[in-house]
mmCIF file of all heavy atoms, coordinates in Angstrom:
data_MODEL
# 
_entry.id   MODEL 
# 
loop_
_atom_site.group_PDB 
_atom_site.id 
_atom_site.type_symbol 
_atom_site.label_atom_id 
_atom_site.label_alt_id 
_atom_site.label_comp_id 
_atom_site.label_asym_id 
_atom_site.label_entity_id 
_atom_site.label_seq_id 
_atom_site.pdbx_PDB_ins_code 
_atom_site.Cartn_x 
_atom_site.Cartn_y 
_atom_site.Cartn_z 
_atom_site.occupancy 
_atom_site.B_iso_or_equiv 
_atom_site.pdbx_formal_charge 
_atom_site.auth_seq_id 
_atom_site.auth_comp_id 
_atom_site.auth_asym_id 
_atom_site.auth_atom_id 
_atom_site.pdbx_PDB_model_num 
ATOM 1   N N   . GLU A 1 1  ? 0.810   -1.189 -0.030  1.00 0.00 ? 1  GLU A N   1 
ATOM 2   C CA  . GLU A 1 1  ? -0.022  0.039  0.005   1.00 0.00 ? 1  GLU A CA  1 
ATOM 3   C C   . GLU A 1 1  ? 0.818   1.270  0.025   1.00 0.00 ? 1  GLU A C   1 
ATOM 4   O O   . GLU A 1 1  ? 2.097   1.211  0.107   1.00 0.00 ? 1  GLU A O   1 
ATOM 5   C CB  . GLU A 1 1  ? -0.874  0.018  1.291   1.00 0.00 ? 1  GLU A CB  1 
ATOM 6   C CG  . GLU A 1 1  ? -0.098  0.113  2.545   1.00 0.00 ? 1  GLU A CG  1 
ATOM 7   C CD  . GLU A 1 1  ? -1.010  0.175  3.759   1.00 0.00 ? 1  GLU A CD  1 
ATOM 8   O OE1 . GLU A 1 1  ? -2.144  0.623  3.624   1.00 0.00 ? 1  GLU A OE1 1 
ATOM 9   O OE2 . GLU A 1 1  ? -0.573  -0.188 4.776   1.00 0.00 ? 1  GLU A OE2 1 
ATOM 10  N N   . GLY A 1 2  ? 0.232   2.384  -0.136  1.00 0.00 ? 2  GLY A N   1 
ATOM 11  C CA  . GLY A 1 2  ? 0.917   3.647  -0.045  1.00 0.00 ? 2  GLY A CA  1 
ATOM 12  C C   . GLY A 1 2  ? 1.415   4.216  -1.337  1.00 0.00 ? 2  GLY A C   1 
ATOM 13  O O   . GLY A 1 2  ? 1.141   3.805  -2.437  1.00 0.00 ? 2  GLY A O   1 
ATOM 14  N N   . LEU A 1 3  ? 2.278   5.277  -1.181  1.00 0.00 ? 3  LEU A N   1 
ATOM 15  C CA  . LEU A 1 3  ? 2.679   6.001  -2.414  1.00 0.00 ? 3  LEU A CA  1 
ATOM 16  C C   . LEU A 1 3  ? 4.155   5.989  -2.619  1.00 0.00 ? 3  LEU A C   1 
ATOM 17  O O   . LEU A 1 3  ? 4.808   6.903  -3.042  1.00 0.00 ? 3  LEU A O   1 
ATOM 18  C CB  . LEU A 1 3  ? 2.145   7.510  -2.287  1.00 0.00 ? 3  LEU A CB  1 
ATOM 19  C CG  . LEU A 1 3  ? 0.636   7.678  -2.257  1.00 0.00 ? 3  LEU A CG  1 
ATOM 20  C CD1 . LEU A 1 3  ? 0.334   9.133  -2.191  1.00 0.00 ? 3  LEU A CD1 1 
ATOM 21  C CD2 . LEU A 1 3  ? 0.114   7.171  -3.555  1.00 0.00 ? 3  LEU A CD2 1 
ATOM 22  N N   . SER A 1 4  ? 4.739   4.821  -2.147  1.00 0.00 ? 4  SER A N   1 
ATOM 23  C CA  . SER A 1 4  ? 6.237   4.683  -2.383  1.00 0.00 ? 4  SER A CA  1 
ATOM 24  C C   . SER A 1 4  ? 6.478   4.318  -3.839  1.00 0.00 ? 4  SER A C   1 
ATOM 25  O O   . SER A 1 4  ? 5.510   3.926  -4.546  1.00 0.00 ? 4  SER A O   1 
ATOM 26  C CB  . SER A 1 4  ? 6.731   3.470  -1.514  1.00 0.00 ? 4  SER A CB  1 
ATOM 27  O OG  . SER A 1 4  ? 6.141   2.324  -1.947  1.00 0.00 ? 4  SER A OG  1 
ATOM 28  N N   . ARG A 1 5  ? 7.687   4.562  -4.380  1.00 0.00 ? 5  ARG A N   1 
ATOM 29  C CA  . ARG A 1 5  ? 7.912   4.019  -5.757  1.00 0.00 ? 5  ARG A CA  1 
ATOM 30  C C   . ARG A 1 5  ? 7.608   2.563  -5.877  1.00 0.00 ? 5  ARG A C   1 
ATOM 31  O O   . ARG A 1 5  ? 7.073   2.125  -6.967  1.00 0.00 ? 5  ARG A O   1 
ATOM 32  C CB  . ARG A 1 5  ? 9.421   4.389  -6.096  1.00 0.00 ? 5  ARG A CB  1 
ATOM 33  C CG  . ARG A 1 5  ? 9.892   3.624  -7.359  1.00 0.00 ? 5  ARG A CG  1 
ATOM 34  C CD  . ARG A 1 5  ? 11.253  4.079  -7.722  1.00 0.00 ? 5  ARG A CD  1 
ATOM 35  N NE  . ARG A 1 5  ? 11.375  5.490  -8.192  1.00 0.00 ? 5  ARG A NE  1 
ATOM 36  C CZ  . ARG A 1 5  ? 11.114  5.943  -9.472  1.00 0.00 ? 5  ARG A CZ  1 
ATOM 37  N NH1 . ARG A 1 5  ? 10.945  4.976  -10.304 1.00 0.00 ? 5  ARG A NH1 1 
ATOM 38  N NH2 . ARG A 1 5  ? 11.218  7.201  -9.825  1.00 0.00 ? 5  ARG A NH2 1 
ATOM 39  N N   . ALA A 1 6  ? 8.022   1.775  -4.823  1.00 0.00 ? 6  ALA A N   1 
ATOM 40  C CA  . ALA A 1 6  ? 7.855   0.309  -4.902  1.00 0.00 ? 6  ALA A CA  1 
ATOM 41  C C   . ALA A 1 6  ? 6.303   -0.016 -5.094  1.00 0.00 ? 6  ALA A C   1 
ATOM 42  O O   . ALA A 1 6  ? 6.011   -0.863 -5.956  1.00 0.00 ? 6  ALA A O   1 
ATOM 43  C CB  . ALA A 1 6  ? 8.346   -0.300 -3.629  1.00 0.00 ? 6  ALA A CB  1 
ATOM 44  N N   . HIS A 1 7  ? 5.471   0.624  -4.351  1.00 0.00 ? 7  HIS A N   1 
ATOM 45  C CA  . HIS A 1 7  ? 4.009   0.298  -4.572  1.00 0.00 ? 7  HIS A CA  1 
ATOM 46  C C   . HIS A 1 7  ? 3.451   0.844  -5.815  1.00 0.00 ? 7  HIS A C   1 
ATOM 47  O O   . HIS A 1 7  ? 2.664   0.174  -6.556  1.00 0.00 ? 7  HIS A O   1 
ATOM 48  C CB  . HIS A 1 7  ? 3.189   0.829  -3.319  1.00 0.00 ? 7  HIS A CB  1 
ATOM 49  C CG  . HIS A 1 7  ? 1.754   0.324  -3.422  1.00 0.00 ? 7  HIS A CG  1 
ATOM 50  N ND1 . HIS A 1 7  ? 1.308   -0.932 -3.386  1.00 0.00 ? 7  HIS A ND1 1 
ATOM 51  C CD2 . HIS A 1 7  ? 0.697   1.138  -3.628  1.00 0.00 ? 7  HIS A CD2 1 
ATOM 52  C CE1 . HIS A 1 7  ? 0.092   -1.000 -3.551  1.00 0.00 ? 7  HIS A CE1 1 
ATOM 53  N NE2 . HIS A 1 7  ? -0.429  0.303  -3.698  1.00 0.00 ? 7  HIS A NE2 1 
ATOM 54  N N   . ILE A 1 8  ? 3.743   2.117  -6.152  1.00 0.00 ? 8  ILE A N   1 
ATOM 55  C CA  . ILE A 1 8  ? 3.135   2.794  -7.282  1.00 0.00 ? 8  ILE A CA  1 
ATOM 56  C C   . ILE A 1 8  ? 3.510   1.989  -8.510  1.00 0.00 ? 8  ILE A C   1 
ATOM 57  O O   . ILE A 1 8  ? 2.609   1.728  -9.449  1.00 0.00 ? 8  ILE A O   1 
ATOM 58  C CB  . ILE A 1 8  ? 3.662   4.246  -7.382  1.00 0.00 ? 8  ILE A CB  1 
ATOM 59  C CG1 . ILE A 1 8  ? 3.015   5.011  -6.333  1.00 0.00 ? 8  ILE A CG1 1 
ATOM 60  C CG2 . ILE A 1 8  ? 3.372   4.822  -8.825  1.00 0.00 ? 8  ILE A CG2 1 
ATOM 61  C CD1 . ILE A 1 8  ? 3.582   6.496  -6.272  1.00 0.00 ? 8  ILE A CD1 1 
ATOM 62  N N   . MET A 1 9  ? 4.811   1.573  -8.652  1.00 0.00 ? 9  MET A N   1 
ATOM 63  C CA  . MET A 1 9  ? 5.227   0.824  -9.989  1.00 0.00 ? 9  MET A CA  1 
ATOM 64  C C   . MET A 1 9  ? 4.483   -0.535 -10.038 1.00 0.00 ? 9  MET A C   1 
ATOM 65  O O   . MET A 1 9  ? 4.181   -0.840 -11.192 1.00 0.00 ? 9  MET A O   1 
ATOM 66  C CB  . MET A 1 9  ? 6.699   0.761  -9.973  1.00 0.00 ? 9  MET A CB  1 
ATOM 67  C CG  . MET A 1 9  ? 7.457   2.032  -10.158 1.00 0.00 ? 9  MET A CG  1 
ATOM 68  S SD  . MET A 1 9  ? 7.010   2.890  -11.547 1.00 0.00 ? 9  MET A SD  1 
ATOM 69  C CE  . MET A 1 9  ? 8.079   4.357  -11.505 1.00 0.00 ? 9  MET A CE  1 
ATOM 70  N N   . THR A 1 10 ? 4.289   -1.146 -8.963  1.00 0.00 ? 10 THR A N   1 
ATOM 71  C CA  . THR A 1 10 ? 3.602   -2.425 -9.025  1.00 0.00 ? 10 THR A CA  1 
ATOM 72  C C   . THR A 1 10 ? 2.044   -2.240 -9.344  1.00 0.00 ? 10 THR A C   1 
ATOM 73  O O   . THR A 1 10 ? 1.555   -2.985 -10.060 1.00 0.00 ? 10 THR A O   1 
ATOM 74  C CB  . THR A 1 10 ? 3.762   -3.238 -7.715  1.00 0.00 ? 10 THR A CB  1 
ATOM 75  O OG1 . THR A 1 10 ? 5.251   -3.405 -7.568  1.00 0.00 ? 10 THR A OG1 1 
ATOM 76  C CG2 . THR A 1 10 ? 3.008   -4.485 -7.748  1.00 0.00 ? 10 THR A CG2 1 
ATOM 77  N N   . ALA A 1 11 ? 1.578   -1.166 -8.629  1.00 0.00 ? 11 ALA A N   1 
ATOM 78  C CA  . ALA A 1 11 ? 0.112   -0.971 -8.670  1.00 0.00 ? 11 ALA A CA  1 
ATOM 79  C C   . ALA A 1 11 ? -0.320  -0.561 -10.072 1.00 0.00 ? 11 ALA A C   1 
ATOM 80  O O   . ALA A 1 11 ? -1.394  -1.031 -10.615 1.00 0.00 ? 11 ALA A O   1 
ATOM 81  C CB  . ALA A 1 11 ? -0.232  0.080  -7.688  1.00 0.00 ? 11 ALA A CB  1 
ATOM 82  N N   . ILE A 1 12 ? 0.459   0.208  -10.766 1.00 0.00 ? 12 ILE A N   1 
ATOM 83  C CA  . ILE A 1 12 ? 0.026   0.717  -12.124 1.00 0.00 ? 12 ILE A CA  1 
ATOM 84  C C   . ILE A 1 12 ? -0.025  -0.470 -13.055 1.00 0.00 ? 12 ILE A C   1 
ATOM 85  O O   . ILE A 1 12 ? -1.017  -0.614 -13.845 1.00 0.00 ? 12 ILE A O   1 
ATOM 86  C CB  . ILE A 1 12 ? 0.925   1.857  -12.714 1.00 0.00 ? 12 ILE A CB  1 
ATOM 87  C CG1 . ILE A 1 12 ? 0.346   2.351  -14.018 1.00 0.00 ? 12 ILE A CG1 1 
ATOM 88  C CG2 . ILE A 1 12 ? 2.334   1.487  -12.852 1.00 0.00 ? 12 ILE A CG2 1 
ATOM 89  C CD1 . ILE A 1 12 ? -0.988  2.875  -13.954 1.00 0.00 ? 12 ILE A CD1 1 
ATOM 90  N N   . ASP A 1 13 ? 0.914   -1.368 -13.000 1.00 0.00 ? 13 ASP A N   1 
ATOM 91  C CA  . ASP A 1 13 ? 0.873   -2.498 -13.946 1.00 0.00 ? 13 ASP A CA  1 
ATOM 92  C C   . ASP A 1 13 ? -0.278  -3.384 -13.603 1.00 0.00 ? 13 ASP A C   1 
ATOM 93  O O   . ASP A 1 13 ? -0.902  -3.964 -14.533 1.00 0.00 ? 13 ASP A O   1 
ATOM 94  C CB  . ASP A 1 13 ? 2.253   -3.307 -13.747 1.00 0.00 ? 13 ASP A CB  1 
ATOM 95  C CG  . ASP A 1 13 ? 3.376   -2.545 -14.364 1.00 0.00 ? 13 ASP A CG  1 
ATOM 96  O OD1 . ASP A 1 13 ? 3.142   -1.612 -15.249 1.00 0.00 ? 13 ASP A OD1 1 
ATOM 97  O OD2 . ASP A 1 13 ? 4.595   -2.862 -14.060 1.00 0.00 ? 13 ASP A OD2 1 
ATOM 98  N N   . ALA A 1 14 ? -0.593  -3.593 -12.306 1.00 0.00 ? 14 ALA A N   1 
ATOM 99  C CA  . ALA A 1 14 ? -1.720  -4.394 -11.936 1.00 0.00 ? 14 ALA A CA  1 
ATOM 100 C C   . ALA A 1 14 ? -3.068  -3.842 -12.451 1.00 0.00 ? 14 ALA A C   1 
ATOM 101 O O   . ALA A 1 14 ? -3.975  -4.443 -12.919 1.00 0.00 ? 14 ALA A O   1 
ATOM 102 C CB  . ALA A 1 14 ? -1.767  -4.605 -10.410 1.00 0.00 ? 14 ALA A CB  1 
ATOM 103 N N   . THR A 1 15 ? -3.136  -2.506 -12.280 1.00 0.00 ? 15 THR A N   1 
ATOM 104 C CA  . THR A 1 15 ? -4.377  -1.752 -12.671 1.00 0.00 ? 15 THR A CA  1 
ATOM 105 C C   . THR A 1 15 ? -4.518  -1.887 -14.186 1.00 0.00 ? 15 THR A C   1 
ATOM 106 O O   . THR A 1 15 ? -5.725  -2.184 -14.712 1.00 0.00 ? 15 THR A O   1 
ATOM 107 C CB  . THR A 1 15 ? -4.275  -0.319 -12.325 1.00 0.00 ? 15 THR A CB  1 
ATOM 108 O OG1 . THR A 1 15 ? -4.744  -0.090 -10.935 1.00 0.00 ? 15 THR A OG1 1 
ATOM 109 C CG2 . THR A 1 15 ? -5.161  0.544  -13.165 1.00 0.00 ? 15 THR A CG2 1 
ATOM 110 N N   . LEU A 1 16 ? -3.514  -1.752 -14.921 1.00 0.00 ? 16 LEU A N   1 
ATOM 111 C CA  . LEU A 1 16 ? -3.621  -1.841 -16.471 1.00 0.00 ? 16 LEU A CA  1 
ATOM 112 C C   . LEU A 1 16 ? -3.975  -3.234 -16.842 1.00 0.00 ? 16 LEU A C   1 
ATOM 113 O O   . LEU A 1 16 ? -4.820  -3.501 -17.779 1.00 0.00 ? 16 LEU A O   1 
ATOM 114 C CB  . LEU A 1 16 ? -2.304  -1.479 -17.119 1.00 0.00 ? 16 LEU A CB  1 
ATOM 115 C CG  . LEU A 1 16 ? -1.858  0.060  -16.917 1.00 0.00 ? 16 LEU A CG  1 
ATOM 116 C CD1 . LEU A 1 16 ? -0.542  0.223  -17.576 1.00 0.00 ? 16 LEU A CD1 1 
ATOM 117 C CD2 . LEU A 1 16 ? -2.891  0.951  -17.397 1.00 0.00 ? 16 LEU A CD2 1 
ATOM 118 N N   . ARG A 1 17 ? -3.419  -4.313 -16.089 1.00 0.00 ? 17 ARG A N   1 
ATOM 119 C CA  . ARG A 1 17 ? -3.772  -5.674 -16.406 1.00 0.00 ? 17 ARG A CA  1 
ATOM 120 C C   . ARG A 1 17 ? -5.363  -5.861 -16.139 1.00 0.00 ? 17 ARG A C   1 
ATOM 121 O O   . ARG A 1 17 ? -6.059  -6.496 -16.949 1.00 0.00 ? 17 ARG A O   1 
ATOM 122 C CB  . ARG A 1 17 ? -3.021  -6.603 -15.646 1.00 0.00 ? 17 ARG A CB  1 
ATOM 123 C CG  . ARG A 1 17 ? -1.639  -6.905 -16.069 1.00 0.00 ? 17 ARG A CG  1 
ATOM 124 C CD  . ARG A 1 17 ? -1.036  -8.138 -15.380 1.00 0.00 ? 17 ARG A CD  1 
ATOM 125 N NE  . ARG A 1 17 ? -0.991  -8.053 -13.953 1.00 0.00 ? 17 ARG A NE  1 
ATOM 126 C CZ  . ARG A 1 17 ? 0.062   -7.450 -13.362 1.00 0.00 ? 17 ARG A CZ  1 
ATOM 127 N NH1 . ARG A 1 17 ? 1.080   -7.042 -13.922 1.00 0.00 ? 17 ARG A NH1 1 
ATOM 128 N NH2 . ARG A 1 17 ? 0.010   -7.463 -11.937 1.00 0.00 ? 17 ARG A NH2 1 
ATOM 129 N N   . ARG A 1 18 ? -5.883  -5.377 -15.013 1.00 0.00 ? 18 ARG A N   1 
ATOM 130 C CA  . ARG A 1 18 ? -7.272  -5.523 -14.716 1.00 0.00 ? 18 ARG A CA  1 
ATOM 131 C C   . ARG A 1 18 ? -8.172  -4.774 -15.623 1.00 0.00 ? 18 ARG A C   1 
ATOM 132 O O   . ARG A 1 18 ? -9.221  -5.261 -16.011 1.00 0.00 ? 18 ARG A O   1 
ATOM 133 C CB  . ARG A 1 18 ? -7.486  -5.110 -13.254 1.00 0.00 ? 18 ARG A CB  1 
ATOM 134 C CG  . ARG A 1 18 ? -7.029  -6.064 -12.187 1.00 0.00 ? 18 ARG A CG  1 
ATOM 135 C CD  . ARG A 1 18 ? -7.452  -5.697 -10.791 1.00 0.00 ? 18 ARG A CD  1 
ATOM 136 N NE  . ARG A 1 18 ? -6.833  -4.452 -10.403 1.00 0.00 ? 18 ARG A NE  1 
ATOM 137 C CZ  . ARG A 1 18 ? -5.803  -4.333 -9.510  1.00 0.00 ? 18 ARG A CZ  1 
ATOM 138 N NH1 . ARG A 1 18 ? -5.071  -5.561 -9.206  1.00 0.00 ? 18 ARG A NH1 1 
ATOM 139 N NH2 . ARG A 1 18 ? -5.233  -3.264 -9.209  1.00 0.00 ? 18 ARG A NH2 1 
ATOM 140 N N   . LEU A 1 19 ? -7.719  -3.625 -16.132 1.00 0.00 ? 19 LEU A N   1 
ATOM 141 C CA  . LEU A 1 19 ? -8.494  -2.834 -17.029 1.00 0.00 ? 19 LEU A CA  1 
ATOM 142 C C   . LEU A 1 19 ? -8.388  -3.385 -18.417 1.00 0.00 ? 19 LEU A C   1 
ATOM 143 O O   . LEU A 1 19 ? -9.240  -3.038 -19.304 1.00 0.00 ? 19 LEU A O   1 
ATOM 144 C CB  . LEU A 1 19 ? -8.147  -1.363 -16.937 1.00 0.00 ? 19 LEU A CB  1 
ATOM 145 C CG  . LEU A 1 19 ? -8.508  -0.559 -15.690 1.00 0.00 ? 19 LEU A CG  1 
ATOM 146 C CD1 . LEU A 1 19 ? -7.849  0.728  -15.631 1.00 0.00 ? 19 LEU A CD1 1 
ATOM 147 C CD2 . LEU A 1 19 ? -10.057 -0.373 -15.723 1.00 0.00 ? 19 LEU A CD2 1 
ATOM 148 N N   . GLY A 1 20 ? -7.398  -4.093 -18.763 1.00 0.00 ? 20 GLY A N   1 
ATOM 149 C CA  . GLY A 1 20 ? -7.208  -4.532 -20.087 1.00 0.00 ? 20 GLY A CA  1 
ATOM 150 C C   . GLY A 1 20 ? -6.827  -3.450 -21.008 1.00 0.00 ? 20 GLY A C   1 
ATOM 151 O O   . GLY A 1 20 ? -7.244  -3.484 -22.195 1.00 0.00 ? 20 GLY A O   1 
ATOM 152 N N   . THR A 1 21 ? -6.044  -2.543 -20.583 1.00 0.00 ? 21 THR A N   1 
ATOM 153 C CA  . THR A 1 21 ? -5.585  -1.399 -21.449 1.00 0.00 ? 21 THR A CA  1 
ATOM 154 C C   . THR A 1 21 ? -4.106  -1.121 -21.374 1.00 0.00 ? 21 THR A C   1 
ATOM 155 O O   . THR A 1 21 ? -3.489  -1.545 -20.388 1.00 0.00 ? 21 THR A O   1 
ATOM 156 C CB  . THR A 1 21 ? -6.383  -0.172 -21.077 1.00 0.00 ? 21 THR A CB  1 
ATOM 157 O OG1 . THR A 1 21 ? -6.142  0.909  -21.978 1.00 0.00 ? 21 THR A OG1 1 
ATOM 158 C CG2 . THR A 1 21 ? -6.170  0.244  -19.618 1.00 0.00 ? 21 THR A CG2 1 
ATOM 159 N N   . ASP A 1 22 ? -3.512  -0.363 -22.258 1.00 0.00 ? 22 ASP A N   1 
ATOM 160 C CA  . ASP A 1 22 ? -2.131  -0.034 -22.178 1.00 0.00 ? 22 ASP A CA  1 
ATOM 161 C C   . ASP A 1 22 ? -1.788  1.159  -21.309 1.00 0.00 ? 22 ASP A C   1 
ATOM 162 O O   . ASP A 1 22 ? -0.639  1.417  -20.901 1.00 0.00 ? 22 ASP A O   1 
ATOM 163 C CB  . ASP A 1 22 ? -1.557  0.171  -23.591 1.00 0.00 ? 22 ASP A CB  1 
ATOM 164 C CG  . ASP A 1 22 ? -1.506  -1.089 -24.424 1.00 0.00 ? 22 ASP A CG  1 
ATOM 165 O OD1 . ASP A 1 22 ? -1.444  -2.216 -23.818 1.00 0.00 ? 22 ASP A OD1 1 
ATOM 166 O OD2 . ASP A 1 22 ? -1.701  -0.961 -25.628 1.00 0.00 ? 22 ASP A OD2 1 
ATOM 167 N N   . TYR A 1 23 ? -2.889  1.923  -21.057 1.00 0.00 ? 23 TYR A N   1 
ATOM 168 C CA  . TYR A 1 23 ? -2.678  3.263  -20.263 1.00 0.00 ? 23 TYR A CA  1 
ATOM 169 C C   . TYR A 1 23 ? -4.024  3.536  -19.654 1.00 0.00 ? 23 TYR A C   1 
ATOM 170 O O   . TYR A 1 23 ? -5.041  3.159  -20.093 1.00 0.00 ? 23 TYR A O   1 
ATOM 171 C CB  . TYR A 1 23 ? -2.130  4.321  -21.181 1.00 0.00 ? 23 TYR A CB  1 
ATOM 172 C CG  . TYR A 1 23 ? -3.242  4.705  -22.245 1.00 0.00 ? 23 TYR A CG  1 
ATOM 173 C CD1 . TYR A 1 23 ? -4.096  5.770  -22.040 1.00 0.00 ? 23 TYR A CD1 1 
ATOM 174 C CD2 . TYR A 1 23 ? -3.380  4.080  -23.410 1.00 0.00 ? 23 TYR A CD2 1 
ATOM 175 C CE1 . TYR A 1 23 ? -5.030  6.194  -22.922 1.00 0.00 ? 23 TYR A CE1 1 
ATOM 176 C CE2 . TYR A 1 23 ? -4.344  4.452  -24.358 1.00 0.00 ? 23 TYR A CE2 1 
ATOM 177 C CZ  . TYR A 1 23 ? -5.240  5.508  -24.143 1.00 0.00 ? 23 TYR A CZ  1 
ATOM 178 O OH  . TYR A 1 23 ? -6.163  5.782  -25.001 1.00 0.00 ? 23 TYR A OH  1 
ATOM 179 N N   . VAL A 1 24 ? -3.921  4.345  -18.630 1.00 0.00 ? 24 VAL A N   1 
ATOM 180 C CA  . VAL A 1 24 ? -5.008  5.099  -18.094 1.00 0.00 ? 24 VAL A CA  1 
ATOM 181 C C   . VAL A 1 24 ? -4.860  6.542  -18.510 1.00 0.00 ? 24 VAL A C   1 
ATOM 182 O O   . VAL A 1 24 ? -3.718  7.103  -18.579 1.00 0.00 ? 24 VAL A O   1 
ATOM 183 C CB  . VAL A 1 24 ? -5.168  4.986  -16.513 1.00 0.00 ? 24 VAL A CB  1 
ATOM 184 C CG1 . VAL A 1 24 ? -5.512  3.539  -16.135 1.00 0.00 ? 24 VAL A CG1 1 
ATOM 185 C CG2 . VAL A 1 24 ? -3.910  5.333  -15.839 1.00 0.00 ? 24 VAL A CG2 1 
ATOM 186 N N   . ASP A 1 25 ? -5.945  7.190  -18.600 1.00 0.00 ? 25 ASP A N   1 
ATOM 187 C CA  . ASP A 1 25 ? -5.956  8.703  -19.015 1.00 0.00 ? 25 ASP A CA  1 
ATOM 188 C C   . ASP A 1 25 ? -5.640  9.441  -17.889 1.00 0.00 ? 25 ASP A C   1 
ATOM 189 O O   . ASP A 1 25 ? -4.969  10.521 -17.967 1.00 0.00 ? 25 ASP A O   1 
ATOM 190 C CB  . ASP A 1 25 ? -7.307  9.131  -19.542 1.00 0.00 ? 25 ASP A CB  1 
ATOM 191 C CG  . ASP A 1 25 ? -7.629  8.274  -20.843 1.00 0.00 ? 25 ASP A CG  1 
ATOM 192 O OD1 . ASP A 1 25 ? -7.231  8.711  -21.946 1.00 0.00 ? 25 ASP A OD1 1 
ATOM 193 O OD2 . ASP A 1 25 ? -8.351  7.248  -20.731 1.00 0.00 ? 25 ASP A OD2 1 
ATOM 194 N N   . LEU A 1 26 ? -6.060  9.126  -16.619 1.00 0.00 ? 26 LEU A N   1 
ATOM 195 C CA  . LEU A 1 26 ? -5.853  9.915  -15.373 1.00 0.00 ? 26 LEU A CA  1 
ATOM 196 C C   . LEU A 1 26 ? -5.583  8.937  -14.267 1.00 0.00 ? 26 LEU A C   1 
ATOM 197 O O   . LEU A 1 26 ? -6.302  8.168  -13.908 1.00 0.00 ? 26 LEU A O   1 
ATOM 198 C CB  . LEU A 1 26 ? -7.116  10.700 -15.034 1.00 0.00 ? 26 LEU A CB  1 
ATOM 199 C CG  . LEU A 1 26 ? -6.965  11.628 -13.830 1.00 0.00 ? 26 LEU A CG  1 
ATOM 200 C CD1 . LEU A 1 26 ? -5.928  12.756 -14.057 1.00 0.00 ? 26 LEU A CD1 1 
ATOM 201 C CD2 . LEU A 1 26 ? -8.361  12.239 -13.606 1.00 0.00 ? 26 LEU A CD2 1 
ATOM 202 N N   . TYR A 1 27 ? -4.328  9.080  -13.719 1.00 0.00 ? 27 TYR A N   1 
ATOM 203 C CA  . TYR A 1 27 ? -3.871  8.181  -12.590 1.00 0.00 ? 27 TYR A CA  1 
ATOM 204 C C   . TYR A 1 27 ? -3.770  9.062  -11.335 1.00 0.00 ? 27 TYR A C   1 
ATOM 205 O O   . TYR A 1 27 ? -3.085  9.997  -11.317 1.00 0.00 ? 27 TYR A O   1 
ATOM 206 C CB  . TYR A 1 27 ? -2.523  7.539  -12.899 1.00 0.00 ? 27 TYR A CB  1 
ATOM 207 C CG  . TYR A 1 27 ? -2.253  6.291  -12.047 1.00 0.00 ? 27 TYR A CG  1 
ATOM 208 C CD1 . TYR A 1 27 ? -3.172  5.300  -11.865 1.00 0.00 ? 27 TYR A CD1 1 
ATOM 209 C CD2 . TYR A 1 27 ? -0.984  6.129  -11.509 1.00 0.00 ? 27 TYR A CD2 1 
ATOM 210 C CE1 . TYR A 1 27 ? -2.844  4.219  -11.142 1.00 0.00 ? 27 TYR A CE1 1 
ATOM 211 C CE2 . TYR A 1 27 ? -0.687  5.029  -10.802 1.00 0.00 ? 27 TYR A CE2 1 
ATOM 212 C CZ  . TYR A 1 27 ? -1.597  4.026  -10.617 1.00 0.00 ? 27 TYR A CZ  1 
ATOM 213 O OH  . TYR A 1 27 ? -1.332  2.956  -9.814  1.00 0.00 ? 27 TYR A OH  1 
ATOM 214 N N   . GLN A 1 28 ? -4.594  8.751  -10.349 1.00 0.00 ? 28 GLN A N   1 
ATOM 215 C CA  . GLN A 1 28 ? -4.686  9.605  -9.207  1.00 0.00 ? 28 GLN A CA  1 
ATOM 216 C C   . GLN A 1 28 ? -4.181  8.972  -7.926  1.00 0.00 ? 28 GLN A C   1 
ATOM 217 O O   . GLN A 1 28 ? -4.305  7.781  -7.729  1.00 0.00 ? 28 GLN A O   1 
ATOM 218 C CB  . GLN A 1 28 ? -6.230  9.974  -8.955  1.00 0.00 ? 28 GLN A CB  1 
ATOM 219 C CG  . GLN A 1 28 ? -6.835  10.608 -10.198 1.00 0.00 ? 28 GLN A CG  1 
ATOM 220 C CD  . GLN A 1 28 ? -8.320  10.309 -10.173 1.00 0.00 ? 28 GLN A CD  1 
ATOM 221 O OE1 . GLN A 1 28 ? -9.155  11.200 -9.839  1.00 0.00 ? 28 GLN A OE1 1 
ATOM 222 N NE2 . GLN A 1 28 ? -8.802  9.200  -10.530 1.00 0.00 ? 28 GLN A NE2 1 
ATOM 223 N N   . ILE A 1 29 ? -3.531  9.797  -7.080  1.00 0.00 ? 29 ILE A N   1 
ATOM 224 C CA  . ILE A 1 29 ? -3.176  9.264  -5.806  1.00 0.00 ? 29 ILE A CA  1 
ATOM 225 C C   . ILE A 1 29 ? -4.392  9.264  -4.856  1.00 0.00 ? 29 ILE A C   1 
ATOM 226 O O   . ILE A 1 29 ? -5.132  10.321 -4.762  1.00 0.00 ? 29 ILE A O   1 
ATOM 227 C CB  . ILE A 1 29 ? -1.976  10.028 -5.128  1.00 0.00 ? 29 ILE A CB  1 
ATOM 228 C CG1 . ILE A 1 29 ? -2.277  11.571 -5.074  1.00 0.00 ? 29 ILE A CG1 1 
ATOM 229 C CG2 . ILE A 1 29 ? -0.752  9.805  -6.034  1.00 0.00 ? 29 ILE A CG2 1 
ATOM 230 C CD1 . ILE A 1 29 ? -1.221  12.308 -4.244  1.00 0.00 ? 29 ILE A CD1 1 
# 
């Protein structure tokens, strides 16, 4: 959890996999 580099980098890849897209238009903390 949280806003460390370690979590953010893992979280964005997991989000993209779940959404089935290469990018999100807006990524929010």
